[in-house]
């Protein structure tokens, strides 16, 4: 029994629609905390592209 969040059936609907739409990322919760975590991680990755990779 699900006490909170989406039901398994609703998650299945979201997943199958994403597959039909050829989406790589499937989000079943768009809570702002998750967006903040993903944004922080992406910024860290983007900063790595700016680093000087030459040997010193």
Protein backbone atom coordinates (compact mmCIF):
# COMPACT_ATOMS: atom_id res chain seq x y z
CA UNK A 1 0.00 0.00 0.00
CA UNK A 2 1.29 3.44 -0.93
CA UNK A 3 1.08 5.93 1.91
CA UNK A 4 2.50 8.87 0.01
CA UNK A 5 3.69 9.72 -3.46
CA UNK A 6 2.43 8.31 -6.71
CA UNK A 7 0.77 4.97 -7.06
CA UNK A 8 2.68 2.25 -8.89
CA UNK A 9 0.11 2.45 -11.70
CA UNK A 10 0.70 6.19 -12.15
CA UNK A 11 4.47 5.69 -12.19
CA UNK A 12 4.01 2.97 -14.82
CA UNK A 13 1.95 5.38 -16.95
CA UNK A 14 4.67 8.03 -16.71
CA UNK A 15 7.42 5.53 -17.55
CA UNK A 16 5.63 3.98 -20.51
CA UNK A 17 4.76 7.40 -21.94
CA UNK A 18 8.38 8.50 -21.58
CA UNK A 19 9.51 5.37 -23.42
CA UNK A 20 7.03 6.07 -26.22
CA UNK A 21 8.32 9.66 -26.37
CA UNK A 22 11.91 8.39 -26.45
CA UNK A 23 12.85 10.33 -23.31
CA UNK A 24 16.07 9.34 -21.59
CA UNK A 25 15.31 10.91 -18.22
CA UNK A 26 12.09 9.90 -16.53
CA UNK A 27 11.10 12.03 -13.57
CA UNK A 28 8.20 10.94 -11.40
CA UNK A 29 8.66 13.76 -8.91
CA UNK A 30 9.51 17.33 -9.83
CA UNK A 31 9.98 18.53 -6.27
CA UNK A 32 12.19 21.63 -6.11
CA UNK A 33 14.72 19.87 -3.82
CA UNK A 34 15.52 17.36 -6.57
CA UNK A 35 15.92 20.14 -9.09
CA UNK A 36 18.35 21.90 -6.74
CA UNK A 37 20.42 18.71 -6.30
CA UNK A 38 20.57 18.07 -10.06
CA UNK A 39 21.48 21.69 -10.76
CA UNK A 40 24.34 21.57 -8.23
CA UNK A 41 25.67 18.35 -9.78
CA UNK A 42 25.41 19.70 -13.32
CA UNK A 43 27.26 22.87 -12.33
CA UNK A 44 30.06 20.75 -10.87
CA UNK A 45 30.31 18.83 -14.14
CA UNK A 46 30.32 22.03 -16.20
CA UNK A 47 33.11 23.49 -14.05
CA UNK A 48 35.23 20.44 -14.89
CA UNK A 49 35.18 21.51 -18.54
CA UNK A 50 36.72 24.83 -17.55
CA UNK A 51 39.67 23.27 -15.72
CA UNK A 52 43.10 23.33 -17.23
CA UNK A 53 43.81 19.70 -18.11
CA UNK A 54 47.39 20.22 -19.19
CA UNK A 55 50.10 18.65 -17.10
CA UNK A 56 52.03 21.12 -15.04
